[in-house]
Amino acid sequence: MRHQKHKYKLGVSPSHRVAMVKNLASEVIDHGMIKTTLTRAKAIKPVVEKLVTLSKNDTVANRRLVYKKLNDKNAVNKLFTELGPKFKERNGGYTRIMRLSENRVGDNSKMAYIAFVD
């Protein structure tokens, strides 16, 4: 049975989806906010939330777990040095999705910003 196994398929192969989620998550961590489609933003939100939760406790084991998920040393370093201490007292809800009123020109896809809360 597949109960509670929902994943956003994003219209690509599974390996492409994994790579896309890693890249989008590291871009959110590096830049603080990115503009993407609404579905992609919803797909990467739980990934980024779990990574920030791991980064609140700076241990070698947690750094290795986050690196395994992101595969980007600069993003891991920023996560543990800046974002982890920033959200130390916050219990979840580190990111927000802000929908845009206009759609993408080419395929009329709904667009959104995903950003860290301040």
N, C-alpha and C. Protein backbone atom coordinates (compact mmCIF):
# COMPACT_ATOMS: atom_id res chain seq x y z
N MET A 1 0.84 -1.18 0.00
CA MET A 1 0.00 0.00 0.00
C MET A 1 0.88 1.25 0.00
N ARG A 2 0.36 2.34 -0.61
CA ARG A 2 1.13 3.57 -0.73
C ARG A 2 0.63 4.66 0.21
N HIS A 3 0.03 4.33 1.30
CA HIS A 3 -0.54 5.35 2.17
C HIS A 3 0.54 6.30 2.65
N GLN A 4 0.29 7.58 2.52
CA GLN A 4 1.17 8.67 2.97
C GLN A 4 2.54 8.61 2.31
N LYS A 5 2.58 8.25 1.05
CA LYS A 5 3.83 8.20 0.30
C LYS A 5 3.81 9.23 -0.83
N HIS A 6 3.03 10.29 -0.70
CA HIS A 6 2.89 11.28 -1.77
C HIS A 6 4.20 12.01 -2.03
N LYS A 7 4.55 12.09 -3.30
CA LYS A 7 5.69 12.89 -3.73
C LYS A 7 5.25 13.69 -4.94
N TYR A 8 5.79 14.87 -5.06
CA TYR A 8 5.52 15.67 -6.25
C TYR A 8 6.34 15.07 -7.39
N LYS A 9 5.69 14.69 -8.46
CA LYS A 9 6.40 14.02 -9.56
C LYS A 9 7.12 15.00 -10.46
N LEU A 10 6.60 16.21 -10.62
CA LEU A 10 7.23 17.30 -11.36
C LEU A 10 7.45 16.98 -12.83
N GLY A 11 6.86 15.94 -13.36
CA GLY A 11 6.92 15.65 -14.78
C GLY A 11 8.27 15.21 -15.30
N VAL A 12 9.12 14.68 -14.44
CA VAL A 12 10.45 14.26 -14.87
C VAL A 12 10.73 12.87 -14.30
N SER A 13 11.84 12.29 -14.71
CA SER A 13 12.22 10.97 -14.21
C SER A 13 12.64 11.08 -12.74
N PRO A 14 12.64 9.98 -12.00
CA PRO A 14 13.00 10.04 -10.59
C PRO A 14 14.41 10.58 -10.32
N SER A 15 15.37 10.20 -11.13
CA SER A 15 16.72 10.71 -10.91
C SER A 15 16.80 12.21 -11.18
N HIS A 16 16.07 12.68 -12.20
CA HIS A 16 16.03 14.11 -12.49
C HIS A 16 15.34 14.86 -11.37
N ARG A 17 14.28 14.27 -10.82
CA ARG A 17 13.57 14.90 -9.72
C ARG A 17 14.46 15.05 -8.49
N VAL A 18 15.23 14.03 -8.17
CA VAL A 18 16.13 14.09 -7.02
C VAL A 18 17.18 15.19 -7.22
N ALA A 19 17.75 15.25 -8.42
CA ALA A 19 18.75 16.27 -8.71
C ALA A 19 18.14 17.67 -8.66
N MET A 20 16.93 17.82 -9.18
CA MET A 20 16.27 19.12 -9.18
C MET A 20 15.97 19.59 -7.77
N VAL A 21 15.51 18.69 -6.92
CA VAL A 21 15.21 19.07 -5.54
C VAL A 21 16.48 19.47 -4.80
N LYS A 22 17.57 18.73 -5.02
CA LYS A 22 18.84 19.10 -4.39
C LYS A 22 19.30 20.47 -4.84
N ASN A 23 19.24 20.73 -6.14
CA ASN A 23 19.70 22.01 -6.66
C ASN A 23 18.83 23.16 -6.18
N LEU A 24 17.51 22.98 -6.19
CA LEU A 24 16.62 24.05 -5.74
C LEU A 24 16.80 24.32 -4.24
N ALA A 25 16.98 23.26 -3.45
CA ALA A 25 17.18 23.45 -2.02
C ALA A 25 18.48 24.19 -1.74
N SER A 26 19.55 23.85 -2.44
CA SER A 26 20.82 24.55 -2.20
C SER A 26 20.73 26.00 -2.68
N GLU A 27 19.96 26.27 -3.73
CA GLU A 27 19.79 27.66 -4.19
C GLU A 27 18.99 28.47 -3.17
N VAL A 28 17.97 27.88 -2.57
CA VAL A 28 17.22 28.59 -1.53
C VAL A 28 18.13 28.91 -0.36
N ILE A 29 18.98 27.97 0.02
CA ILE A 29 19.89 28.20 1.14
C ILE A 29 20.92 29.26 0.79
N ASP A 30 21.46 29.23 -0.43
CA ASP A 30 22.47 30.20 -0.83
C ASP A 30 21.91 31.61 -0.96
N HIS A 31 20.75 31.75 -1.61
CA HIS A 31 20.23 33.07 -1.94
C HIS A 31 19.16 33.57 -0.98
N GLY A 32 18.57 32.69 -0.18
CA GLY A 32 17.55 33.12 0.75
C GLY A 32 16.15 33.13 0.15
N MET A 33 16.04 33.36 -1.16
CA MET A 33 14.75 33.39 -1.82
C MET A 33 14.97 33.08 -3.30
N ILE A 34 14.09 32.26 -3.87
CA ILE A 34 14.15 32.00 -5.30
C ILE A 34 12.75 32.06 -5.87
N LYS A 35 12.67 32.33 -7.17
CA LYS A 35 11.40 32.35 -7.89
C LYS A 35 11.34 31.07 -8.72
N THR A 36 10.28 30.30 -8.53
CA THR A 36 10.12 29.03 -9.22
C THR A 36 8.63 28.76 -9.40
N THR A 37 8.29 27.63 -9.97
CA THR A 37 6.88 27.30 -10.11
C THR A 37 6.31 26.92 -8.74
N LEU A 38 5.02 27.06 -8.61
CA LEU A 38 4.36 26.78 -7.34
C LEU A 38 4.54 25.32 -6.93
N THR A 39 4.45 24.41 -7.87
CA THR A 39 4.59 22.99 -7.56
C THR A 39 6.00 22.67 -7.09
N ARG A 40 7.00 23.24 -7.73
CA ARG A 40 8.38 23.01 -7.28
C ARG A 40 8.62 23.60 -5.90
N ALA A 41 8.05 24.76 -5.65
CA ALA A 41 8.21 25.37 -4.32
C ALA A 41 7.59 24.49 -3.25
N LYS A 42 6.41 23.93 -3.54
CA LYS A 42 5.77 23.04 -2.57
C LYS A 42 6.56 21.75 -2.40
N ALA A 43 7.26 21.32 -3.45
CA ALA A 43 8.03 20.08 -3.37
C ALA A 43 9.30 20.25 -2.54
N ILE A 44 9.92 21.43 -2.60
CA ILE A 44 11.19 21.59 -1.87
C ILE A 44 11.01 22.14 -0.46
N LYS A 45 9.83 22.65 -0.14
CA LYS A 45 9.62 23.21 1.20
C LYS A 45 9.90 22.20 2.32
N PRO A 46 9.35 20.98 2.30
CA PRO A 46 9.65 20.05 3.39
C PRO A 46 11.11 19.65 3.44
N VAL A 47 11.77 19.61 2.30
CA VAL A 47 13.20 19.25 2.27
C VAL A 47 14.01 20.32 2.99
N VAL A 48 13.75 21.58 2.66
CA VAL A 48 14.50 22.69 3.27
C VAL A 48 14.19 22.78 4.77
N GLU A 49 12.94 22.57 5.14
CA GLU A 49 12.56 22.62 6.56
C GLU A 49 13.33 21.57 7.37
N LYS A 50 13.43 20.36 6.85
CA LYS A 50 14.15 19.31 7.57
C LYS A 50 15.64 19.60 7.66
N LEU A 51 16.21 20.20 6.61
CA LEU A 51 17.62 20.54 6.64
C LEU A 51 17.91 21.62 7.67
N VAL A 52 17.03 22.61 7.78
CA VAL A 52 17.22 23.66 8.78
C VAL A 52 17.09 23.08 10.18
N THR A 53 16.17 22.16 10.37
CA THR A 53 16.02 21.52 11.68
C THR A 53 17.29 20.76 12.05
N LEU A 54 17.91 20.08 11.10
CA LEU A 54 19.17 19.39 11.38
C LEU A 54 20.29 20.37 11.67
N SER A 55 20.27 21.53 11.02
CA SER A 55 21.37 22.48 11.18
C SER A 55 21.31 23.24 12.50
N LYS A 56 20.24 23.13 13.25
CA LYS A 56 20.16 23.80 14.54
C LYS A 56 21.11 23.21 15.56
N ASN A 57 21.49 21.95 15.35
CA ASN A 57 22.45 21.28 16.24
C ASN A 57 23.69 20.97 15.41
N ASP A 58 24.76 21.73 15.61
CA ASP A 58 25.96 21.63 14.78
C ASP A 58 26.85 20.49 15.27
N THR A 59 26.68 19.31 14.67
CA THR A 59 27.55 18.17 14.95
C THR A 59 28.08 17.64 13.63
N VAL A 60 29.11 16.85 13.70
CA VAL A 60 29.69 16.26 12.50
C VAL A 60 28.68 15.34 11.83
N ALA A 61 27.93 14.58 12.64
CA ALA A 61 26.94 13.67 12.08
C ALA A 61 25.86 14.43 11.32
N ASN A 62 25.39 15.54 11.90
CA ASN A 62 24.35 16.32 11.21
C ASN A 62 24.90 16.97 9.95
N ARG A 63 26.15 17.43 9.98
CA ARG A 63 26.76 18.00 8.77
C ARG A 63 26.84 16.95 7.66
N ARG A 64 27.18 15.73 8.03
CA ARG A 64 27.27 14.67 7.03
C ARG A 64 25.91 14.30 6.46
N LEU A 65 24.87 14.31 7.32
CA LEU A 65 23.52 14.02 6.85
C LEU A 65 23.04 15.10 5.88
N VAL A 66 23.32 16.36 6.21
CA VAL A 66 22.89 17.46 5.34
C VAL A 66 23.68 17.43 4.04
N TYR A 67 24.98 17.13 4.11
CA TYR A 67 25.78 17.06 2.88
C TYR A 67 25.29 15.94 1.97
N LYS A 68 24.85 14.85 2.59
CA LYS A 68 24.31 13.74 1.81
C LYS A 68 23.06 14.15 1.05
N LYS A 69 22.25 15.03 1.65
CA LYS A 69 21.02 15.49 1.00
C LYS A 69 21.29 16.58 -0.04
N LEU A 70 22.30 17.44 0.19
CA LEU A 70 22.53 18.59 -0.69
C LEU A 70 23.67 18.40 -1.68
N ASN A 71 24.75 17.78 -1.23
CA ASN A 71 25.95 17.60 -2.06
C ASN A 71 26.53 18.95 -2.49
N ASP A 72 26.54 19.92 -1.57
CA ASP A 72 27.07 21.25 -1.85
C ASP A 72 27.70 21.79 -0.56
N LYS A 73 29.04 21.84 -0.53
CA LYS A 73 29.74 22.24 0.69
C LYS A 73 29.43 23.67 1.11
N ASN A 74 29.32 24.59 0.15
CA ASN A 74 29.05 25.98 0.50
C ASN A 74 27.67 26.14 1.13
N ALA A 75 26.68 25.44 0.60
CA ALA A 75 25.33 25.51 1.17
C ALA A 75 25.30 24.90 2.57
N VAL A 76 26.02 23.80 2.76
CA VAL A 76 26.07 23.17 4.09
C VAL A 76 26.72 24.12 5.09
N ASN A 77 27.81 24.76 4.69
CA ASN A 77 28.51 25.69 5.58
C ASN A 77 27.61 26.87 5.94
N LYS A 78 26.92 27.44 4.97
CA LYS A 78 26.03 28.57 5.24
C LYS A 78 24.88 28.13 6.14
N LEU A 79 24.38 26.95 5.91
CA LEU A 79 23.27 26.43 6.71
C LEU A 79 23.65 26.32 8.18
N PHE A 80 24.83 25.80 8.45
CA PHE A 80 25.23 25.59 9.84
C PHE A 80 25.80 26.84 10.50
N THR A 81 26.37 27.76 9.74
CA THR A 81 26.95 28.95 10.37
C THR A 81 25.97 30.10 10.48
N GLU A 82 25.05 30.25 9.53
CA GLU A 82 24.13 31.39 9.54
C GLU A 82 22.69 31.01 9.87
N LEU A 83 22.14 30.06 9.13
CA LEU A 83 20.71 29.78 9.26
C LEU A 83 20.37 28.96 10.51
N GLY A 84 21.21 28.01 10.87
CA GLY A 84 20.94 27.20 12.05
C GLY A 84 20.85 28.03 13.33
N PRO A 85 21.86 28.87 13.61
CA PRO A 85 21.77 29.73 14.80
C PRO A 85 20.63 30.74 14.73
N LYS A 86 20.31 31.20 13.52
CA LYS A 86 19.24 32.19 13.36
C LYS A 86 17.88 31.63 13.77
N PHE A 87 17.63 30.35 13.44
CA PHE A 87 16.35 29.72 13.74
C PHE A 87 16.41 28.81 14.97
N LYS A 88 17.39 29.02 15.83
CA LYS A 88 17.59 28.15 17.00
C LYS A 88 16.35 28.11 17.90
N GLU A 89 15.70 29.25 18.10
CA GLU A 89 14.57 29.32 19.02
C GLU A 89 13.23 29.06 18.32
N ARG A 90 13.23 28.91 17.01
CA ARG A 90 11.98 28.74 16.26
C ARG A 90 11.68 27.25 16.09
N ASN A 91 10.43 26.86 16.33
CA ASN A 91 10.03 25.47 16.22
C ASN A 91 9.30 25.21 14.91
N GLY A 92 10.03 25.21 13.82
CA GLY A 92 9.44 24.91 12.53
C GLY A 92 8.91 26.16 11.84
N GLY A 93 8.50 26.01 10.60
CA GLY A 93 7.98 27.13 9.83
C GLY A 93 9.08 28.09 9.43
N TYR A 94 10.17 27.56 8.90
CA TYR A 94 11.32 28.39 8.54
C TYR A 94 11.17 29.03 7.17
N THR A 95 10.34 28.46 6.31
CA THR A 95 10.18 28.98 4.96
C THR A 95 8.73 29.35 4.72
N ARG A 96 8.53 30.19 3.70
CA ARG A 96 7.17 30.52 3.28
C ARG A 96 7.12 30.57 1.77
N ILE A 97 5.95 30.30 1.24
CA ILE A 97 5.73 30.34 -0.19
C ILE A 97 4.78 31.50 -0.47
N MET A 98 5.25 32.42 -1.31
CA MET A 98 4.45 33.58 -1.69
C MET A 98 4.06 33.44 -3.16
N ARG A 99 2.79 33.28 -3.42
CA ARG A 99 2.31 33.10 -4.79
C ARG A 99 2.37 34.43 -5.52
N LEU A 100 2.68 34.36 -6.81
CA LEU A 100 2.68 35.54 -7.65
C LEU A 100 1.37 35.63 -8.42
N SER A 101 0.93 36.84 -8.69
CA SER A 101 -0.34 37.00 -9.38
C SER A 101 -0.23 36.67 -10.86
N GLU A 102 0.94 36.92 -11.46
CA GLU A 102 1.09 36.62 -12.89
C GLU A 102 1.62 35.21 -13.08
N ASN A 103 1.25 34.60 -14.19
CA ASN A 103 1.72 33.27 -14.54
C ASN A 103 2.88 33.37 -15.51
N ARG A 104 3.61 32.28 -15.69
CA ARG A 104 4.74 32.27 -16.61
C ARG A 104 4.24 32.43 -18.04
N VAL A 105 5.00 33.17 -18.84
CA VAL A 105 4.55 33.53 -20.17
C VAL A 105 4.47 32.31 -21.09
N GLY A 106 5.44 31.44 -21.05
CA GLY A 106 5.50 30.35 -22.02
C GLY A 106 4.40 29.31 -21.88
N ASP A 107 4.18 28.83 -20.65
CA ASP A 107 3.22 27.73 -20.47
C ASP A 107 2.11 28.06 -19.47
N ASN A 108 2.02 29.32 -19.04
CA ASN A 108 0.98 29.78 -18.12
C ASN A 108 1.02 29.04 -16.78
N SER A 109 2.22 28.65 -16.35
CA SER A 109 2.38 27.95 -15.08
C SER A 109 2.34 28.93 -13.92
N LYS A 110 1.75 28.51 -12.81
CA LYS A 110 1.67 29.37 -11.63
C LYS A 110 3.06 29.51 -11.02
N MET A 111 3.44 30.74 -10.70
CA MET A 111 4.77 31.03 -10.17
C MET A 111 4.67 31.44 -8.70
N ALA A 112 5.79 31.26 -7.99
CA ALA A 112 5.82 31.60 -6.58
C ALA A 112 7.26 31.87 -6.15
N TYR A 113 7.40 32.61 -5.05
CA TYR A 113 8.67 32.76 -4.38
C TYR A 113 8.69 31.82 -3.19
N ILE A 114 9.82 31.19 -2.94
CA ILE A 114 10.02 30.47 -1.69
C ILE A 114 11.18 31.14 -1.00
N ALA A 115 10.96 31.52 0.27
CA ALA A 115 11.96 32.29 0.99
C ALA A 115 11.93 31.92 2.46
N PHE A 116 13.02 32.24 3.14
CA PHE A 116 13.09 32.06 4.58
C PHE A 116 12.34 33.20 5.26
N VAL A 117 11.69 32.91 6.37
CA VAL A 117 11.03 33.95 7.14
C VAL A 117 12.09 34.71 7.92
N ASP A 118 11.79 35.97 8.19
CA ASP A 118 12.77 36.80 8.91
C ASP A 118 12.32 37.06 10.33
